[in-house]
Full PDB file with SEQRES, HELIX, SHEET, SSBOND, CRYST1, ORIGX, SCALE, CONECT and MASTER records, all heavy atoms in Angstrom:
SEQRES   1 A   45  ALA GLY LEU GLY SER VAL MET SER SER THR GLY VAL VAL          
SEQRES   2 A   45  ALA ILE PHE ILE PRO VAL ALA VAL SER ILE ALA ALA ARG          
SEQRES   3 A   45  ILE GLY SER ALA PRO ARG ARG LEU MET MET PRO LEU ALA          
SEQRES   4 A   45  PHE ALA ALA LEU MET SER                                      
HELIX    1 AA1 LEU A    3  SER A    5  5                                   3    
HELIX    2 AA2 SER A    9  ILE A   27  1                                  19    
HELIX    3 AA3 ARG A   32  MET A   44  1                                  13    
CRYST1    1.000    1.000    1.000  90.00  90.00  90.00 P 1           1          
ORIGX1      1.000000  0.000000  0.000000        0.00000                         
ORIGX2      0.000000  1.000000  0.000000        0.00000                         
ORIGX3      0.000000  0.000000  1.000000        0.00000                         
SCALE1      1.000000  0.000000  0.000000        0.00000                         
SCALE2      0.000000  1.000000  0.000000        0.00000                         
SCALE3      0.000000  0.000000  1.000000        0.00000                         
ATOM      1  N   ALA A   1      88.245 102.144 111.906  1.00  0.00           N  
ATOM      2  CA  ALA A   1      88.190 101.534 110.530  1.00  0.00           C  
ATOM      3  C   ALA A   1      87.382 100.274 110.576  1.00  0.00           C  
ATOM      4  O   ALA A   1      86.606  99.990 109.632  1.00  0.00           O  
ATOM      5  CB  ALA A   1      89.684 101.242 110.073  1.00  0.00           C  
ATOM      6  N   GLY A   2      87.506  99.389 111.493  1.00  0.00           N  
ATOM      7  CA  GLY A   2      86.724  98.149 111.626  1.00  0.00           C  
ATOM      8  C   GLY A   2      85.216  98.462 111.685  1.00  0.00           C  
ATOM      9  O   GLY A   2      84.474  97.780 110.940  1.00  0.00           O  
ATOM     10  N   LEU A   3      84.881  99.295 112.545  1.00  0.00           N  
ATOM     11  CA  LEU A   3      83.411  99.578 112.675  1.00  0.00           C  
ATOM     12  C   LEU A   3      82.898 100.262 111.499  1.00  0.00           C  
ATOM     13  O   LEU A   3      81.831 100.059 111.018  1.00  0.00           O  
ATOM     14  CB  LEU A   3      83.184 100.454 113.927  1.00  0.00           C  
ATOM     15  CG  LEU A   3      81.652 100.626 114.389  1.00  0.00           C  
ATOM     16  CD1 LEU A   3      81.096  99.304 114.628  1.00  0.00           C  
ATOM     17  CD2 LEU A   3      81.659 101.389 115.677  1.00  0.00           C  
ATOM     18  N   GLY A   4      83.707 101.257 110.921  1.00  0.00           N  
ATOM     19  CA  GLY A   4      83.183 101.986 109.807  1.00  0.00           C  
ATOM     20  C   GLY A   4      83.183 101.134 108.528  1.00  0.00           C  
ATOM     21  O   GLY A   4      82.532 101.573 107.521  1.00  0.00           O  
ATOM     22  N   SER A   5      83.695  99.966 108.483  1.00  0.00           N  
ATOM     23  CA  SER A   5      83.638  99.128 107.232  1.00  0.00           C  
ATOM     24  C   SER A   5      82.326  98.448 107.062  1.00  0.00           C  
ATOM     25  O   SER A   5      82.019  97.957 106.025  1.00  0.00           O  
ATOM     26  CB  SER A   5      84.735  98.019 107.373  1.00  0.00           C  
ATOM     27  OG  SER A   5      84.413  97.152 108.422  1.00  0.00           O  
ATOM     28  N   VAL A   6      81.452  98.483 108.164  1.00  0.00           N  
ATOM     29  CA  VAL A   6      80.084  97.917 107.984  1.00  0.00           C  
ATOM     30  C   VAL A   6      79.027  98.803 108.380  1.00  0.00           C  
ATOM     31  O   VAL A   6      77.889  98.516 108.462  1.00  0.00           O  
ATOM     32  CB  VAL A   6      80.013  96.641 108.886  1.00  0.00           C  
ATOM     33  CG1 VAL A   6      80.874  95.535 108.304  1.00  0.00           C  
ATOM     34  CG2 VAL A   6      80.393  96.940 110.323  1.00  0.00           C  
ATOM     35  N   MET A   7      79.339 100.148 108.707  1.00  0.00           N  
ATOM     36  CA  MET A   7      78.292 101.050 109.012  1.00  0.00           C  
ATOM     37  C   MET A   7      78.814 102.418 108.624  1.00  0.00           C  
ATOM     38  O   MET A   7      79.924 102.647 108.091  1.00  0.00           O  
ATOM     39  CB  MET A   7      77.898 101.042 110.480  1.00  0.00           C  
ATOM     40  CG  MET A   7      79.012 101.449 111.381  1.00  0.00           C  
ATOM     41  SD  MET A   7      78.444 101.512 113.141  1.00  0.00           S  
ATOM     42  CE  MET A   7      77.457 103.019 113.083  1.00  0.00           C  
ATOM     43  N   SER A   8      77.947 103.486 108.772  1.00  0.00           N  
ATOM     44  CA  SER A   8      78.320 104.682 108.278  1.00  0.00           C  
ATOM     45  C   SER A   8      79.566 105.360 108.970  1.00  0.00           C  
ATOM     46  O   SER A   8      79.626 105.398 110.140  1.00  0.00           O  
ATOM     47  CB  SER A   8      77.158 105.752 108.687  1.00  0.00           C  
ATOM     48  OG  SER A   8      77.519 107.119 108.526  1.00  0.00           O  
ATOM     49  N   SER A   9      80.513 105.640 108.116  1.00  0.00           N  
ATOM     50  CA  SER A   9      81.752 106.253 108.680  1.00  0.00           C  
ATOM     51  C   SER A   9      81.511 107.591 109.308  1.00  0.00           C  
ATOM     52  O   SER A   9      82.124 107.857 110.369  1.00  0.00           O  
ATOM     53  CB  SER A   9      82.843 106.444 107.532  1.00  0.00           C  
ATOM     54  OG  SER A   9      82.309 107.264 106.605  1.00  0.00           O  
ATOM     55  N   THR A  10      80.579 108.327 108.898  1.00  0.00           N  
ATOM     56  CA  THR A  10      80.231 109.600 109.526  1.00  0.00           C  
ATOM     57  C   THR A  10      79.657 109.330 110.919  1.00  0.00           C  
ATOM     58  O   THR A  10      80.017 110.021 111.871  1.00  0.00           O  
ATOM     59  CB  THR A  10      79.126 110.344 108.713  1.00  0.00           C  
ATOM     60  OG1 THR A  10      79.664 110.507 107.430  1.00  0.00           O  
ATOM     61  CG2 THR A  10      78.889 111.651 109.306  1.00  0.00           C  
ATOM     62  N   GLY A  11      78.781 108.363 111.063  1.00  0.00           N  
ATOM     63  CA  GLY A  11      78.281 107.965 112.352  1.00  0.00           C  
ATOM     64  C   GLY A  11      79.277 107.471 113.282  1.00  0.00           C  
ATOM     65  O   GLY A  11      79.284 107.843 114.540  1.00  0.00           O  
ATOM     66  N   VAL A  12      80.301 106.688 112.798  1.00  0.00           N  
ATOM     67  CA  VAL A  12      81.435 106.229 113.686  1.00  0.00           C  
ATOM     68  C   VAL A  12      82.162 107.397 114.231  1.00  0.00           C  
ATOM     69  O   VAL A  12      82.544 107.414 115.374  1.00  0.00           O  
ATOM     70  CB  VAL A  12      82.227 105.289 112.847  1.00  0.00           C  
ATOM     71  CG1 VAL A  12      83.492 104.917 113.691  1.00  0.00           C  
ATOM     72  CG2 VAL A  12      81.575 104.012 112.494  1.00  0.00           C  
ATOM     73  N   VAL A  13      82.412 108.344 113.340  1.00  0.00           N  
ATOM     74  CA  VAL A  13      83.200 109.526 113.835  1.00  0.00           C  
ATOM     75  C   VAL A  13      82.461 110.304 114.838  1.00  0.00           C  
ATOM     76  O   VAL A  13      83.039 110.760 115.840  1.00  0.00           O  
ATOM     77  CB  VAL A  13      83.594 110.462 112.616  1.00  0.00           C  
ATOM     78  CG1 VAL A  13      84.231 111.795 113.081  1.00  0.00           C  
ATOM     79  CG2 VAL A  13      84.613 109.766 111.720  1.00  0.00           C  
ATOM     80  N   ALA A  14      81.160 110.529 114.656  1.00  0.00           N  
ATOM     81  CA  ALA A  14      80.414 111.250 115.554  1.00  0.00           C  
ATOM     82  C   ALA A  14      80.310 110.564 116.976  1.00  0.00           C  
ATOM     83  O   ALA A  14      80.345 111.222 118.033  1.00  0.00           O  
ATOM     84  CB  ALA A  14      78.977 111.333 115.066  1.00  0.00           C  
ATOM     85  N   ILE A  15      80.400 109.173 116.992  1.00  0.00           N  
ATOM     86  CA  ILE A  15      80.487 108.481 118.256  1.00  0.00           C  
ATOM     87  C   ILE A  15      81.795 108.592 118.872  1.00  0.00           C  
ATOM     88  O   ILE A  15      81.975 108.675 120.132  1.00  0.00           O  
ATOM     89  CB  ILE A  15      80.097 106.961 117.921  1.00  0.00           C  
ATOM     90  CG1 ILE A  15      78.620 106.903 117.581  1.00  0.00           C  
ATOM     91  CG2 ILE A  15      80.424 106.119 119.178  1.00  0.00           C  
ATOM     92  CD1 ILE A  15      78.283 105.478 117.033  1.00  0.00           C  
ATOM     93  N   PHE A  16      82.930 108.555 118.142  1.00  0.00           N  
ATOM     94  CA  PHE A  16      84.256 108.483 118.619  1.00  0.00           C  
ATOM     95  C   PHE A  16      84.878 109.767 118.953  1.00  0.00           C  
ATOM     96  O   PHE A  16      85.917 109.897 119.695  1.00  0.00           O  
ATOM     97  CB  PHE A  16      85.164 107.680 117.732  1.00  0.00           C  
ATOM     98  CG  PHE A  16      85.182 106.196 118.009  1.00  0.00           C  
ATOM     99  CD1 PHE A  16      84.247 105.369 117.404  1.00  0.00           C  
ATOM    100  CD2 PHE A  16      86.111 105.631 118.804  1.00  0.00           C  
ATOM    101  CE1 PHE A  16      84.206 104.013 117.638  1.00  0.00           C  
ATOM    102  CE2 PHE A  16      86.136 104.251 119.031  1.00  0.00           C  
ATOM    103  CZ  PHE A  16      85.164 103.437 118.418  1.00  0.00           C  
ATOM    104  N   ILE A  17      84.285 110.898 118.518  1.00  0.00           N  
ATOM    105  CA  ILE A  17      84.843 112.164 118.793  1.00  0.00           C  
ATOM    106  C   ILE A  17      84.887 112.472 120.287  1.00  0.00           C  
ATOM    107  O   ILE A  17      86.056 112.820 120.817  1.00  0.00           O  
ATOM    108  CB  ILE A  17      84.121 113.318 118.027  1.00  0.00           C  
ATOM    109  CG1 ILE A  17      84.506 113.369 116.554  1.00  0.00           C  
ATOM    110  CG2 ILE A  17      84.386 114.691 118.674  1.00  0.00           C  
ATOM    111  CD1 ILE A  17      83.735 114.368 115.737  1.00  0.00           C  
ATOM    112  N   PRO A  18      83.798 112.334 121.015  1.00  0.00           N  
ATOM    113  CA  PRO A  18      83.886 112.512 122.530  1.00  0.00           C  
ATOM    114  C   PRO A  18      84.849 111.610 123.201  1.00  0.00           C  
ATOM    115  O   PRO A  18      85.543 111.968 124.249  1.00  0.00           O  
ATOM    116  CB  PRO A  18      82.486 112.407 123.066  1.00  0.00           C  
ATOM    117  CG  PRO A  18      81.832 111.649 121.931  1.00  0.00           C  
ATOM    118  CD  PRO A  18      82.469 111.978 120.666  1.00  0.00           C  
ATOM    119  N   VAL A  19      84.975 110.369 122.675  1.00  0.00           N  
ATOM    120  CA  VAL A  19      85.975 109.362 123.255  1.00  0.00           C  
ATOM    121  C   VAL A  19      87.323 109.925 123.134  1.00  0.00           C  
ATOM    122  O   VAL A  19      88.155 109.917 124.018  1.00  0.00           O  
ATOM    123  CB  VAL A  19      85.771 107.990 122.564  1.00  0.00           C  
ATOM    124  CG1 VAL A  19      86.806 107.015 123.122  1.00  0.00           C  
ATOM    125  CG2 VAL A  19      84.408 107.434 122.849  1.00  0.00           C  
ATOM    126  N   ALA A  20      87.756 110.372 121.868  1.00  0.00           N  
ATOM    127  CA  ALA A  20      89.056 110.770 121.581  1.00  0.00           C  
ATOM    128  C   ALA A  20      89.403 112.051 122.397  1.00  0.00           C  
ATOM    129  O   ALA A  20      90.553 112.225 122.877  1.00  0.00           O  
ATOM    130  CB  ALA A  20      89.276 111.041 120.067  1.00  0.00           C  
ATOM    131  N   VAL A  21      88.420 112.994 122.473  1.00  0.00           N  
ATOM    132  CA  VAL A  21      88.680 114.201 123.225  1.00  0.00           C  
ATOM    133  C   VAL A  21      88.999 113.864 124.737  1.00  0.00           C  
ATOM    134  O   VAL A  21      89.907 114.501 125.316  1.00  0.00           O  
ATOM    135  CB  VAL A  21      87.510 115.127 123.118  1.00  0.00           C  
ATOM    136  CG1 VAL A  21      87.654 116.277 124.120  1.00  0.00           C  
ATOM    137  CG2 VAL A  21      87.445 115.693 121.740  1.00  0.00           C  
ATOM    138  N   SER A  22      88.178 113.035 125.230  1.00  0.00           N  
ATOM    139  CA  SER A  22      88.376 112.591 126.627  1.00  0.00           C  
ATOM    140  C   SER A  22      89.754 111.892 126.883  1.00  0.00           C  
ATOM    141  O   SER A  22      90.458 112.231 127.882  1.00  0.00           O  
ATOM    142  CB  SER A  22      87.238 111.615 127.071  1.00  0.00           C  
ATOM    143  OG  SER A  22      87.440 111.114 128.345  1.00  0.00           O  
ATOM    144  N   ILE A  23      90.104 110.974 126.006  1.00  0.00           N  
ATOM    145  CA  ILE A  23      91.392 110.297 126.117  1.00  0.00           C  
ATOM    146  C   ILE A  23      92.547 111.286 125.981  1.00  0.00           C  
ATOM    147  O   ILE A  23      93.497 111.218 126.788  1.00  0.00           O  
ATOM    148  CB  ILE A  23      91.477 109.196 125.002  1.00  0.00           C  
ATOM    149  CG1 ILE A  23      90.406 108.060 125.250  1.00  0.00           C  
ATOM    150  CG2 ILE A  23      92.886 108.648 124.955  1.00  0.00           C  
ATOM    151  CD1 ILE A  23      90.415 107.177 124.085  1.00  0.00           C  
ATOM    152  N   ALA A  24      92.430 112.171 125.056  1.00  0.00           N  
ATOM    153  CA  ALA A  24      93.550 113.237 124.852  1.00  0.00           C  
ATOM    154  C   ALA A  24      93.718 113.974 126.224  1.00  0.00           C  
ATOM    155  O   ALA A  24      94.872 114.271 126.608  1.00  0.00           O  
ATOM    156  CB  ALA A  24      93.203 114.188 123.739  1.00  0.00           C  
ATOM    157  N   ALA A  25      92.668 114.354 126.835  1.00  0.00           N  
ATOM    158  CA  ALA A  25      92.722 115.113 128.094  1.00  0.00           C  
ATOM    159  C   ALA A  25      93.397 114.227 129.213  1.00  0.00           C  
ATOM    160  O   ALA A  25      94.248 114.771 129.950  1.00  0.00           O  
ATOM    161  CB  ALA A  25      91.342 115.534 128.595  1.00  0.00           C  
ATOM    162  N   ARG A  26      93.120 112.954 129.162  1.00  0.00           N  
ATOM    163  CA  ARG A  26      93.640 112.095 130.207  1.00  0.00           C  
ATOM    164  C   ARG A  26      95.115 111.843 130.138  1.00  0.00           C  
ATOM    165  O   ARG A  26      95.839 111.792 131.107  1.00  0.00           O  
ATOM    166  CB  ARG A  26      92.900 110.753 130.231  1.00  0.00           C  
ATOM    167  CG  ARG A  26      91.544 110.803 130.947  1.00  0.00           C  
ATOM    168  CD  ARG A  26      91.072 109.383 131.164  1.00  0.00           C  
ATOM    169  NE  ARG A  26      89.794 109.140 130.475  1.00  0.00           N  
ATOM    170  CZ  ARG A  26      89.206 108.014 130.391  1.00  0.00           C  
ATOM    171  NH1 ARG A  26      89.865 106.892 130.927  1.00  0.00           N  
ATOM    172  NH2 ARG A  26      88.135 107.861 129.735  1.00  0.00           N  
ATOM    173  N   ILE A  27      95.617 111.707 128.854  1.00  0.00           N  
ATOM    174  CA  ILE A  27      97.067 111.330 128.666  1.00  0.00           C  
ATOM    175  C   ILE A  27      97.851 112.598 128.437  1.00  0.00           C  
ATOM    176  O   ILE A  27      99.073 112.546 128.200  1.00  0.00           O  
ATOM    177  CB  ILE A  27      97.170 110.384 127.506  1.00  0.00           C  
ATOM    178  CG1 ILE A  27      96.831 110.971 126.207  1.00  0.00           C  
ATOM    179  CG2 ILE A  27      96.412 109.032 127.729  1.00  0.00           C  
ATOM    180  CD1 ILE A  27      97.180 110.121 125.007  1.00  0.00           C  
ATOM    181  N   GLY A  28      97.236 113.791 128.525  1.00  0.00           N  
ATOM    182  CA  GLY A  28      97.922 115.124 128.339  1.00  0.00           C  
ATOM    183  C   GLY A  28      98.274 115.330 126.940  1.00  0.00           C  
ATOM    184  O   GLY A  28      99.303 116.005 126.580  1.00  0.00           O  
ATOM    185  N   SER A  29      97.555 114.889 125.924  1.00  0.00           N  
ATOM    186  CA  SER A  29      97.808 115.091 124.566  1.00  0.00           C  
ATOM    187  C   SER A  29      96.882 116.089 123.979  1.00  0.00           C  
ATOM    188  O   SER A  29      95.812 116.380 124.533  1.00  0.00           O  
ATOM    189  CB  SER A  29      97.655 113.724 123.717  1.00  0.00           C  
ATOM    190  OG  SER A  29      97.947 113.960 122.392  1.00  0.00           O  
ATOM    191  N   ALA A  30      97.230 116.691 122.890  1.00  0.00           N  
ATOM    192  CA  ALA A  30      96.374 117.677 122.207  1.00  0.00           C  
ATOM    193  C   ALA A  30      95.280 116.960 121.349  1.00  0.00           C  
ATOM    194  O   ALA A  30      95.660 115.988 120.680  1.00  0.00           O  
ATOM    195  CB  ALA A  30      97.160 118.616 121.273  1.00  0.00           C  
ATOM    196  N   PRO A  31      93.969 117.265 121.547  1.00  0.00           N  
ATOM    197  CA  PRO A  31      92.951 116.620 120.635  1.00  0.00           C  
ATOM    198  C   PRO A  31      93.319 116.585 119.132  1.00  0.00           C  
ATOM    199  O   PRO A  31      92.970 115.658 118.472  1.00  0.00           O  
ATOM    200  CB  PRO A  31      91.735 117.414 120.945  1.00  0.00           C  
ATOM    201  CG  PRO A  31      91.960 118.036 122.281  1.00  0.00           C  
ATOM    202  CD  PRO A  31      93.488 118.356 122.396  1.00  0.00           C  
ATOM    203  N   ARG A  32      93.968 117.695 118.647  1.00  0.00           N  
ATOM    204  CA  ARG A  32      94.239 117.744 117.258  1.00  0.00           C  
ATOM    205  C   ARG A  32      95.172 116.598 116.798  1.00  0.00           C  
ATOM    206  O   ARG A  32      95.245 116.333 115.564  1.00  0.00           O  
ATOM    207  CB  ARG A  32      94.837 119.075 116.904  1.00  0.00           C  
ATOM    208  CG  ARG A  32      96.175 119.415 117.574  1.00  0.00           C  
ATOM    209  CD  ARG A  32      96.582 120.924 117.330  1.00  0.00           C  
ATOM    210  NE  ARG A  32      96.944 121.150 115.995  1.00  0.00           N  
ATOM    211  CZ  ARG A  32      96.314 121.944 115.176  1.00  0.00           C  
ATOM    212  NH1 ARG A  32      95.190 122.561 115.474  1.00  0.00           N  
ATOM    213  NH2 ARG A  32      96.794 122.159 113.928  1.00  0.00           N  
ATOM    214  N   ARG A  33      95.913 115.994 117.691  1.00  0.00           N  
ATOM    215  CA  ARG A  33      96.841 114.864 117.332  1.00  0.00           C  
ATOM    216  C   ARG A  33      96.031 113.583 117.156  1.00  0.00           C  
ATOM    217  O   ARG A  33      96.579 112.614 116.703  1.00  0.00           O  
ATOM    218  CB  ARG A  33      97.894 114.743 118.358  1.00  0.00           C  
ATOM    219  CG  ARG A  33      98.933 115.901 118.384  1.00  0.00           C  
ATOM    220  CD  ARG A  33      99.793 115.833 119.567  1.00  0.00           C  
ATOM    221  NE  ARG A  33     100.651 114.685 119.617  1.00  0.00           N  
ATOM    222  CZ  ARG A  33     101.952 114.731 119.206  1.00  0.00           C  
ATOM    223  NH1 ARG A  33     102.424 115.854 118.655  1.00  0.00           N  
ATOM    224  NH2 ARG A  33     102.707 113.615 119.269  1.00  0.00           N  
ATOM    225  N   LEU A  34      94.778 113.515 117.568  1.00  0.00           N  
ATOM    226  CA  LEU A  34      93.978 112.326 117.417  1.00  0.00           C  
ATOM    227  C   LEU A  34      92.763 112.588 116.460  1.00  0.00           C  
ATOM    228  O   LEU A  34      92.284 111.530 115.896  1.00  0.00           O  
ATOM    229  CB  LEU A  34      93.404 111.917 118.753  1.00  0.00           C  
ATOM    230  CG  LEU A  34      94.434 111.437 119.814  1.00  0.00           C  
ATOM    231  CD1 LEU A  34      93.705 111.121 121.211  1.00  0.00           C  
ATOM    232  CD2 LEU A  34      95.278 110.307 119.319  1.00  0.00           C  
ATOM    233  N   MET A  35      92.293 113.799 116.315  1.00  0.00           N  
ATOM    234  CA  MET A  35      91.140 114.027 115.497  1.00  0.00           C  
ATOM    235  C   MET A  35      91.338 113.713 114.027  1.00  0.00           C  
ATOM    236  O   MET A  35      90.537 113.082 113.384  1.00  0.00           O  
ATOM    237  CB  MET A  35      90.691 115.494 115.714  1.00  0.00           C  
ATOM    238  CG  MET A  35      90.051 115.835 116.911  1.00  0.00           C  
ATOM    239  SD  MET A  35      88.523 115.023 117.277  1.00  0.00           S  
ATOM    240  CE  MET A  35      89.001 113.812 118.528  1.00  0.00           C  
ATOM    241  N   MET A  36      92.446 114.142 113.470  1.00  0.00           N  
ATOM    242  CA  MET A  36      92.737 113.894 112.007  1.00  0.00           C  
ATOM    243  C   MET A  36      92.980 112.368 111.802  1.00  0.00           C  
ATOM    244  O   MET A  36      92.410 111.866 110.845  1.00  0.00           O  
ATOM    245  CB  MET A  36      93.816 114.751 111.483  1.00  0.00           C  
ATOM    246  CG  MET A  36      93.856 114.774 109.981  1.00  0.00           C  
ATOM    247  SD  MET A  36      94.980 115.989 109.245  1.00  0.00           S  
ATOM    248  CE  MET A  36      94.203 117.545 109.691  1.00  0.00           C  
ATOM    249  N   PRO A  37      93.760 111.743 112.603  1.00  0.00           N  
ATOM    250  CA  PRO A  37      93.849 110.266 112.442  1.00  0.00           C  
ATOM    251  C   PRO A  37      92.405 109.565 112.505  1.00  0.00           C  
ATOM    252  O   PRO A  37      92.213 108.596 111.765  1.00  0.00           O  
ATOM    253  CB  PRO A  37      94.831 109.860 113.641  1.00  0.00           C  
ATOM    254  CG  PRO A  37      95.682 111.016 113.857  1.00  0.00           C  
ATOM    255  CD  PRO A  37      94.746 112.190 113.614  1.00  0.00           C  
ATOM    256  N   LEU A  38      91.639 110.084 113.439  1.00  0.00           N  
ATOM    257  CA  LEU A  38      90.245 109.556 113.489  1.00  0.00           C  
ATOM    258  C   LEU A  38      89.556 109.710 112.193  1.00  0.00           C  
ATOM    259  O   LEU A  38      88.845 108.764 111.672  1.00  0.00           O  
ATOM    260  CB  LEU A  38      89.502 110.273 114.650  1.00  0.00           C  
ATOM    261  CG  LEU A  38      88.021 110.044 114.828  1.00  0.00           C  
ATOM    262  CD1 LEU A  38      87.835 108.607 115.265  1.00  0.00           C  
ATOM    263  CD2 LEU A  38      87.466 110.919 115.940  1.00  0.00           C  
ATOM    264  N   ALA A  39      89.600 110.909 111.560  1.00  0.00           N  
ATOM    265  CA  ALA A  39      88.844 111.141 110.343  1.00  0.00           C  
ATOM    266  C   ALA A  39      89.521 110.284 109.168  1.00  0.00           C  
ATOM    267  O   ALA A  39      88.754 109.750 108.329  1.00  0.00           O  
ATOM    268  CB  ALA A  39      88.979 112.596 109.955  1.00  0.00           C  
ATOM    269  N   PHE A  40      90.802 110.231 109.144  1.00  0.00           N  
ATOM    270  CA  PHE A  40      91.476 109.433 108.025  1.00  0.00           C  
ATOM    271  C   PHE A  40      91.073 108.020 108.126  1.00  0.00           C  
ATOM    272  O   PHE A  40      90.856 107.323 107.185  1.00  0.00           O  
ATOM    273  CB  PHE A  40      93.047 109.587 108.167  1.00  0.00           C  
ATOM    274  CG  PHE A  40      93.509 110.907 107.486  1.00  0.00           C  
ATOM    275  CD1 PHE A  40      92.707 111.958 107.518  1.00  0.00           C  
ATOM    276  CD2 PHE A  40      94.761 110.862 106.864  1.00  0.00           C  
ATOM    277  CE1 PHE A  40      93.229 113.143 106.901  1.00  0.00           C  
ATOM    278  CE2 PHE A  40      95.191 111.947 106.166  1.00  0.00           C  
ATOM    279  CZ  PHE A  40      94.505 113.163 106.230  1.00  0.00           C  
ATOM    280  N   ALA A  41      91.059 107.394 109.440  1.00  0.00           N  
ATOM    281  CA  ALA A  41      90.665 106.052 109.558  1.00  0.00           C  
ATOM    282  C   ALA A  41      89.216 105.870 109.122  1.00  0.00           C  
ATOM    283  O   ALA A  41      88.943 104.760 108.532  1.00  0.00           O  
ATOM    284  CB  ALA A  41      90.835 105.653 111.053  1.00  0.00           C  
ATOM    285  N   ALA A  42      88.334 106.772 109.423  1.00  0.00           N  
ATOM    286  CA  ALA A  42      86.978 106.616 108.981  1.00  0.00           C  
ATOM    287  C   ALA A  42      86.838 106.665 107.518  1.00  0.00           C  
ATOM    288  O   ALA A  42      86.019 105.877 106.916  1.00  0.00           O  
ATOM    289  CB  ALA A  42      86.103 107.782 109.613  1.00  0.00           C  
ATOM    290  N   LEU A  43      87.651 107.457 106.763  1.00  0.00           N  
ATOM    291  CA  LEU A  43      87.619 107.536 105.301  1.00  0.00           C  
ATOM    292  C   LEU A  43      88.209 106.148 104.804  1.00  0.00           C  
ATOM    293  O   LEU A  43      87.655 105.654 103.808  1.00  0.00           O  
ATOM    294  CB  LEU A  43      88.417 108.725 104.863  1.00  0.00           C  
ATOM    295  CG  LEU A  43      87.787 110.066 105.074  1.00  0.00           C  
ATOM    296  CD1 LEU A  43      88.801 111.189 104.730  1.00  0.00           C  
ATOM    297  CD2 LEU A  43      86.538 110.195 104.261  1.00  0.00           C  
ATOM    298  N   MET A  44      89.205 105.682 105.406  1.00  0.00           N  
ATOM    299  CA  MET A  44      89.792 104.420 104.957  1.00  0.00           C  
ATOM    300  C   MET A  44      88.885 103.254 105.230  1.00  0.00           C  
ATOM    301  O   MET A  44      88.949 102.181 104.559  1.00  0.00           O  
ATOM    302  CB  MET A  44      91.202 104.208 105.502  1.00  0.00           C  
ATOM    303  CG  MET A  44      92.283 105.134 105.014  1.00  0.00           C  
ATOM    304  SD  MET A  44      93.849 104.878 105.689  1.00  0.00           S  
ATOM    305  CE  MET A  44      93.746 105.698 107.278  1.00  0.00           C  
ATOM    306  N   SER A  45      87.985 103.365 106.161  1.00  0.00           N  
ATOM    307  CA  SER A  45      87.009 102.279 106.509  1.00  0.00           C  
ATOM    308  C   SER A  45      86.213 101.953 105.222  1.00  0.00           C  
ATOM    309  O   SER A  45      85.794 100.760 105.110  1.00  0.00           O  
ATOM    310  CB  SER A  45      86.228 102.571 107.712  1.00  0.00           C  
ATOM    311  OG  SER A  45      85.237 103.578 107.350  1.00  0.00           O  
TER     312      SER A  45                                                      
MASTER        0    0    0    3    0    0    0    6  311    1    0    4          
END                                                                             
């Protein structure tokens, strides 16, 4: 949300998708539990 408030929210999501997928794998979480919060935060930005 912070980064998306001053630049393209679409671009921010494209950058953070691989980050979120990698983090989900490391902590044993499903990517789907982080992807939608990621999108919602970008829209709210």
